Amino acid sequence: MYGLKALGYATVFSAMAFGASAQGLHGDGAAHGHGHGANGMGHDEVNMPGLRGENVTEAESLEMQVMFQNFTTLSRTVDNLSNGIRTVTTSSDPEVLAALTSHIAGMINRVETRDNPLVFIQSPTLDIFFERGDEITTEIEVTDAGIVVTQTADDPDLIEALHTHAAEVSDMASRGMMSVHERMMGQ
């Protein structure tokens, strides 16, 4: 097992060169980008402008796009621990696996440095992580098939948020953008 800092950026794959140029943003971008475009009715699942944000790089948006457009290649299990989570996420597609690994490492680094990307479709569940990321202990193990992440905390609010976010990610891995659309319409 390696902590993110031990992994360094050498393990973070260059999954950023996967086609798709950045297009203009759509929608009304209401309050922190949780707007849904065309008054909540429009969806561009080719360019996926909702994967952009106030503080997200084009490369980060592209790796999320790769994962959402190929979510059927993902497999995920989650163990809710009394003090956090242990997730195992794999992909049958090497390009998706590279994007997944890069995304996870990048997001964990952002949490550790409190650097919120403010992605337009971002779940509000993530807010506590960017406020108090230094209180989360993370271990990462990259395998040939995928990535194992264990995150723990002492605070019950952080533990609850870890459980909630793990369930949200599992739903996205299972149902793709439909999961996000449903969550956003309920907010």
C-alpha atoms as a PDB file:
ATOM      1  CA  MET A   1       0.000   0.000   0.000  1.00  0.00           C
ATOM      2  CA  TYR A   2       1.180   3.476  -0.786  1.00  0.00           C
ATOM      3  CA  GLY A   3      -0.003   6.851   0.393  1.00  0.00           C
ATOM      4  CA  LEU A   4      -0.547   9.353  -2.397  1.00  0.00           C
ATOM      5  CA  LYS A   5       2.559  11.286  -1.450  1.00  0.00           C
ATOM      6  CA  ALA A   6       4.630   8.087  -1.754  1.00  0.00           C
ATOM      7  CA  LEU A   7       3.114   7.375  -5.161  1.00  0.00           C
ATOM      8  CA  GLY A   8       4.162  10.748  -6.470  1.00  0.00           C
ATOM      9  CA  TYR A   9       3.049  11.844  -9.853  1.00  0.00           C
ATOM     10  CA  ALA A  10       5.029   9.126 -11.633  1.00  0.00           C
ATOM     11  CA  THR A  11       2.125   6.743 -11.061  1.00  0.00           C
ATOM     12  CA  VAL A  12      -0.399   9.249 -12.292  1.00  0.00           C
ATOM     13  CA  PHE A  13      -0.939   8.216 -15.871  1.00  0.00           C
ATOM     14  CA  SER A  14      -1.181  10.561 -18.821  1.00  0.00           C
ATOM     15  CA  ALA A  15      -4.754   9.762 -19.614  1.00  0.00           C
ATOM     16  CA  MET A  16      -5.363  13.262 -20.761  1.00  0.00           C
ATOM     17  CA  ALA A  17      -4.834  12.867 -24.480  1.00  0.00           C
ATOM     18  CA  PHE A  18      -8.136  11.148 -25.184  1.00  0.00           C
ATOM     19  CA  GLY A  19      -9.702  13.176 -27.998  1.00  0.00           C
ATOM     20  CA  ALA A  20     -12.544  15.583 -27.356  1.00  0.00           C
ATOM     21  CA  SER A  21     -11.634  19.212 -27.296  1.00  0.00           C
ATOM     22  CA  ALA A  22     -13.088  21.511 -24.690  1.00  0.00           C
ATOM     23  CA  GLN A  23     -16.305  23.080 -25.890  1.00  0.00           C
ATOM     24  CA  GLY A  24     -18.078  26.108 -24.504  1.00  0.00           C
ATOM     25  CA  LEU A  25     -20.066  25.712 -21.320  1.00  0.00           C
ATOM     26  CA  HIS A  26     -23.827  25.519 -21.371  1.00  0.00           C
ATOM     27  CA  GLY A  27     -26.556  26.048 -18.889  1.00  0.00           C
ATOM     28  CA  ASP A  28     -27.284  28.610 -16.296  1.00  0.00           C
ATOM     29  CA  GLY A  29     -24.525  27.321 -14.000  1.00  0.00           C
ATOM     30  CA  ALA A  30     -26.565  28.182 -10.949  1.00  0.00           C
ATOM     31  CA  ALA A  31     -24.736  28.544  -7.658  1.00  0.00           C
ATOM     32  CA  HIS A  32     -21.459  26.668  -7.891  1.00  0.00           C
ATOM     33  CA  GLY A  33     -22.377  25.075 -11.190  1.00  0.00           C
ATOM     34  CA  HIS A  34     -25.092  22.755 -10.020  1.00  0.00           C
ATOM     35  CA  GLY A  35     -27.299  24.101 -12.821  1.00  0.00           C
ATOM     36  CA  HIS A  36     -28.171  21.621 -15.494  1.00  0.00           C
ATOM     37  CA  GLY A  37     -28.324  23.582 -18.728  1.00  0.00           C
ATOM     38  CA  ALA A  38     -31.428  24.434 -20.716  1.00  0.00           C
ATOM     39  CA  ASN A  39     -33.233  24.961 -17.436  1.00  0.00           C
ATOM     40  CA  GLY A  40     -32.402  21.449 -16.313  1.00  0.00           C
ATOM     41  CA  MET A  41     -33.605  19.800 -19.505  1.00  0.00           C
ATOM     42  CA  GLY A  42     -30.586  19.809 -21.836  1.00  0.00           C
ATOM     43  CA  HIS A  43     -27.784  17.264 -21.837  1.00  0.00           C
ATOM     44  CA  ASP A  44     -24.748  17.127 -24.082  1.00  0.00           C
ATOM     45  CA  GLU A  45     -23.411  13.631 -23.524  1.00  0.00           C
ATOM     46  CA  VAL A  46     -20.890  13.945 -26.344  1.00  0.00           C
ATOM     47  CA  ASN A  47     -18.929  16.986 -25.141  1.00  0.00           C
ATOM     48  CA  MET A  48     -20.037  16.718 -21.492  1.00  0.00           C
ATOM     49  CA  PRO A  49     -19.622  20.401 -20.568  1.00  0.00           C
ATOM     50  CA  GLY A  50     -20.800  19.659 -17.002  1.00  0.00           C
ATOM     51  CA  LEU A  51     -17.419  18.030 -16.384  1.00  0.00           C
ATOM     52  CA  ARG A  52     -15.737  21.415 -16.599  1.00  0.00           C
ATOM     53  CA  GLY A  53     -15.692  23.892 -13.763  1.00  0.00           C
ATOM     54  CA  GLU A  54     -14.262  26.962 -12.130  1.00  0.00           C
ATOM     55  CA  ASN A  55     -10.977  25.311 -11.083  1.00  0.00           C
ATOM     56  CA  VAL A  56     -10.651  22.174 -13.189  1.00  0.00           C
ATOM     57  CA  THR A  57      -8.115  21.562 -15.934  1.00  0.00           C
ATOM     58  CA  GLU A  58      -9.058  20.404 -19.402  1.00  0.00           C
ATOM     59  CA  ALA A  59      -7.077  17.216 -18.743  1.00  0.00           C
ATOM     60  CA  GLU A  60      -9.132  16.499 -15.613  1.00  0.00           C
ATOM     61  CA  SER A  61     -12.367  17.072 -17.530  1.00  0.00           C
ATOM     62  CA  LEU A  62     -11.208  14.740 -20.290  1.00  0.00           C
ATOM     63  CA  GLU A  63     -10.371  11.897 -17.890  1.00  0.00           C
ATOM     64  CA  MET A  64     -13.831  12.205 -16.301  1.00  0.00           C
ATOM     65  CA  GLN A  65     -15.331  12.167 -19.799  1.00  0.00           C
ATOM     66  CA  VAL A  66     -13.461   8.949 -20.612  1.00  0.00           C
ATOM     67  CA  MET A  67     -14.836   7.323 -17.458  1.00  0.00           C
ATOM     68  CA  PHE A  68     -18.435   8.482 -17.966  1.00  0.00           C
ATOM     69  CA  GLN A  69     -18.495   7.527 -21.638  1.00  0.00           C
ATOM     70  CA  ASN A  70     -17.082   4.085 -20.817  1.00  0.00           C
ATOM     71  CA  PHE A  71     -18.684   3.435 -17.436  1.00  0.00           C
ATOM     72  CA  THR A  72     -19.804  -0.032 -18.566  1.00  0.00           C
ATOM     73  CA  THR A  73     -16.152  -1.130 -18.388  1.00  0.00           C
ATOM     74  CA  LEU A  74     -15.986  -0.257 -14.673  1.00  0.00           C
ATOM     75  CA  SER A  75     -16.488  -2.612 -11.754  1.00  0.00           C
ATOM     76  CA  ARG A  76     -16.517  -1.403  -8.169  1.00  0.00           C
ATOM     77  CA  THR A  77     -16.879  -2.778  -4.662  1.00  0.00           C
ATOM     78  CA  VAL A  78     -17.060  -0.780  -1.461  1.00  0.00           C
ATOM     79  CA  ASP A  79     -16.544  -1.886   2.111  1.00  0.00           C
ATOM     80  CA  ASN A  80     -17.906   0.633   4.585  1.00  0.00           C
ATOM     81  CA  LEU A  81     -15.561   0.552   7.554  1.00  0.00           C
ATOM     82  CA  SER A  82     -16.411   1.864  11.004  1.00  0.00           C
ATOM     83  CA  ASN A  83     -13.918   4.680  10.377  1.00  0.00           C
ATOM     84  CA  GLY A  84     -14.120   5.078   6.594  1.00  0.00           C
ATOM     85  CA  ILE A  85     -14.144   3.112   3.360  1.00  0.00           C
ATOM     86  CA  ARG A  86     -12.168   0.625   1.297  1.00  0.00           C
ATOM     87  CA  THR A  87     -12.955   0.679  -2.430  1.00  0.00           C
ATOM     88  CA  VAL A  88     -11.759  -1.518  -5.255  1.00  0.00           C
ATOM     89  CA  THR A  89     -12.387  -0.130  -8.726  1.00  0.00           C
ATOM     90  CA  THR A  90     -11.341  -1.891 -11.913  1.00  0.00           C
ATOM     91  CA  SER A  91     -11.857  -1.493 -15.632  1.00  0.00           C
ATOM     92  CA  SER A  92     -11.690  -3.958 -18.476  1.00  0.00           C
ATOM     93  CA  ASP A  93     -10.345  -1.156 -20.712  1.00  0.00           C
ATOM     94  CA  PRO A  94      -6.702  -0.019 -20.219  1.00  0.00           C
ATOM     95  CA  GLU A  95      -7.461   3.573 -21.294  1.00  0.00           C
ATOM     96  CA  VAL A  96     -10.344   3.837 -18.838  1.00  0.00           C
ATOM     97  CA  LEU A  97      -8.170   2.318 -16.119  1.00  0.00           C
ATOM     98  CA  ALA A  98      -5.485   4.930 -16.809  1.00  0.00           C
ATOM     99  CA  ALA A  99      -8.060   7.739 -16.640  1.00  0.00           C
ATOM    100  CA  LEU A 100      -9.517   6.259 -13.441  1.00  0.00           C
ATOM    101  CA  THR A 101      -6.125   5.992 -11.739  1.00  0.00           C
ATOM    102  CA  SER A 102      -5.155   9.507 -12.740  1.00  0.00           C
ATOM    103  CA  HIS A 103      -8.510  10.906 -11.611  1.00  0.00           C
ATOM    104  CA  ILE A 104      -8.363   9.222  -8.210  1.00  0.00           C
ATOM    105  CA  ALA A 105      -4.768  10.287  -7.532  1.00  0.00           C
ATOM    106  CA  GLY A 106      -5.492  13.820  -8.696  1.00  0.00           C
ATOM    107  CA  MET A 107      -8.639  14.176  -6.610  1.00  0.00           C
ATOM    108  CA  ILE A 108      -6.970  12.791  -3.500  1.00  0.00           C
ATOM    109  CA  ASN A 109      -4.153  15.284  -3.995  1.00  0.00           C
ATOM    110  CA  ARG A 110      -6.730  18.069  -4.373  1.00  0.00           C
ATOM    111  CA  VAL A 111      -8.449  16.975  -1.138  1.00  0.00           C
ATOM    112  CA  GLU A 112      -5.114  16.879   0.709  1.00  0.00           C
ATOM    113  CA  THR A 113      -4.279  20.401  -0.487  1.00  0.00           C
ATOM    114  CA  ARG A 114      -7.867  21.701  -0.139  1.00  0.00           C
ATOM    115  CA  ASP A 115      -7.955  22.608  -3.841  1.00  0.00           C
ATOM    116  CA  ASN A 116     -11.622  22.276  -4.772  1.00  0.00           C
ATOM    117  CA  PRO A 117     -12.031  21.903  -8.568  1.00  0.00           C
ATOM    118  CA  LEU A 118     -15.650  23.164  -8.461  1.00  0.00           C
ATOM    119  CA  VAL A 119     -16.740  20.848 -11.283  1.00  0.00           C
ATOM    120  CA  PHE A 120     -20.206  21.886 -12.449  1.00  0.00           C
ATOM    121  CA  ILE A 121     -21.787  18.483 -11.733  1.00  0.00           C
ATOM    122  CA  GLN A 122     -19.852  17.987  -8.490  1.00  0.00           C
ATOM    123  CA  SER A 123     -21.772  16.494  -5.593  1.00  0.00           C
ATOM    124  CA  PRO A 124     -22.174  18.745  -2.545  1.00  0.00           C
ATOM    125  CA  THR A 125     -20.990  15.739  -0.541  1.00  0.00           C
ATOM    126  CA  LEU A 126     -17.438  16.652  -1.576  1.00  0.00           C
ATOM    127  CA  ASP A 127     -17.517  20.052   0.127  1.00  0.00           C
ATOM    128  CA  ILE A 128     -16.522  18.689   3.541  1.00  0.00           C
ATOM    129  CA  PHE A 129     -13.535  16.886   2.000  1.00  0.00           C
ATOM    130  CA  PHE A 130     -12.147  20.099   0.537  1.00  0.00           C
ATOM    131  CA  GLU A 131     -12.746  21.926   3.814  1.00  0.00           C
ATOM    132  CA  ARG A 132     -11.177  19.256   6.050  1.00  0.00           C
ATOM    133  CA  GLY A 133      -9.127  17.001   3.782  1.00  0.00           C
ATOM    134  CA  ASP A 134      -6.171  17.074   6.133  1.00  0.00           C
ATOM    135  CA  GLU A 135      -8.256  14.981   8.556  1.00  0.00           C
ATOM    136  CA  ILE A 136      -8.575  12.072   6.090  1.00  0.00           C
ATOM    137  CA  THR A 137      -5.914   9.364   5.883  1.00  0.00           C
ATOM    138  CA  THR A 138      -5.638   7.784   2.438  1.00  0.00           C
ATOM    139  CA  GLU A 139      -3.824   4.694   1.221  1.00  0.00           C
ATOM    140  CA  ILE A 140      -3.719   3.731  -2.452  1.00  0.00           C
ATOM    141  CA  GLU A 141      -2.709   0.466  -4.051  1.00  0.00           C
ATOM    142  CA  VAL A 142      -2.505   0.366  -7.840  1.00  0.00           C
ATOM    143  CA  THR A 143      -2.831  -3.138  -9.271  1.00  0.00           C
ATOM    144  CA  ASP A 144      -2.790  -4.463 -12.832  1.00  0.00           C
ATOM    145  CA  ALA A 145      -6.589  -4.632 -12.754  1.00  0.00           C
ATOM    146  CA  GLY A 146      -7.434  -1.420 -10.934  1.00  0.00           C
ATOM    147  CA  ILE A 147      -7.023   0.678  -7.848  1.00  0.00           C
ATOM    148  CA  VAL A 148      -7.697   0.027  -4.169  1.00  0.00           C
ATOM    149  CA  VAL A 149      -8.329   3.072  -1.990  1.00  0.00           C
ATOM    150  CA  THR A 150      -8.721   3.052   1.774  1.00  0.00           C
ATOM    151  CA  GLN A 151      -9.749   6.298   3.427  1.00  0.00           C
ATOM    152  CA  THR A 152     -10.257   6.731   7.148  1.00  0.00           C
ATOM    153  CA  ALA A 153     -11.052   9.548   9.536  1.00  0.00           C
ATOM    154  CA  ASP A 154     -11.832  10.066  13.201  1.00  0.00           C
ATOM    155  CA  ASP A 155     -14.692  12.542  12.841  1.00  0.00           C
ATOM    156  CA  PRO A 156     -18.186  11.019  12.421  1.00  0.00           C
ATOM    157  CA  ASP A 157     -19.199  13.703   9.877  1.00  0.00           C
ATOM    158  CA  LEU A 158     -16.211  12.873   7.663  1.00  0.00           C
ATOM    159  CA  ILE A 159     -16.872   9.138   8.003  1.00  0.00           C
ATOM    160  CA  GLU A 160     -20.511   9.650   6.992  1.00  0.00           C
ATOM    161  CA  ALA A 161     -19.392  11.761   4.011  1.00  0.00           C
ATOM    162  CA  LEU A 162     -16.900   9.052   2.960  1.00  0.00           C
ATOM    163  CA  HIS A 163     -19.715   6.469   3.050  1.00  0.00           C
ATOM    164  CA  THR A 164     -22.096   8.748   1.128  1.00  0.00           C
ATOM    165  CA  HIS A 165     -19.550   9.673  -1.534  1.00  0.00           C
ATOM    166  CA  ALA A 166     -18.499   6.040  -2.006  1.00  0.00           C
ATOM    167  CA  ALA A 167     -22.153   5.163  -2.679  1.00  0.00           C
ATOM    168  CA  GLU A 168     -22.467   8.071  -5.134  1.00  0.00           C
ATOM    169  CA  VAL A 169     -19.354   6.959  -7.031  1.00  0.00           C
ATOM    170  CA  SER A 170     -20.582   3.357  -7.098  1.00  0.00           C
ATOM    171  CA  ASP A 171     -23.869   4.551  -8.588  1.00  0.00           C
ATOM    172  CA  MET A 172     -21.983   6.542 -11.244  1.00  0.00           C
ATOM    173  CA  ALA A 173     -19.833   3.508 -12.048  1.00  0.00           C
ATOM    174  CA  SER A 174     -22.982   1.427 -12.402  1.00  0.00           C
ATOM    175  CA  ARG A 175     -25.270   3.847 -14.250  1.00  0.00           C
ATOM    176  CA  GLY A 176     -23.026   6.548 -15.678  1.00  0.00           C
ATOM    177  CA  MET A 177     -24.355  10.037 -16.228  1.00  0.00           C
ATOM    178  CA  MET A 178     -27.938   8.939 -15.466  1.00  0.00           C
ATOM    179  CA  SER A 179     -26.903   8.765 -11.819  1.00  0.00           C
ATOM    180  CA  VAL A 180     -25.611  12.338 -11.909  1.00  0.00           C
ATOM    181  CA  HIS A 181     -28.704  13.642 -13.705  1.00  0.00           C
ATOM    182  CA  GLU A 182     -30.998  12.109 -11.101  1.00  0.00           C
ATOM    183  CA  ARG A 183     -28.934  13.428  -8.175  1.00  0.00           C
ATOM    184  CA  MET A 184     -28.811  16.936  -9.630  1.00  0.00           C
ATOM    185  CA  MET A 185     -32.532  17.034 -10.365  1.00  0.00           C
ATOM    186  CA  GLY A 186     -33.153  16.149  -6.698  1.00  0.00           C
ATOM    187  CA  GLN A 187     -30.953  18.991  -5.378  1.00  0.00           C
END
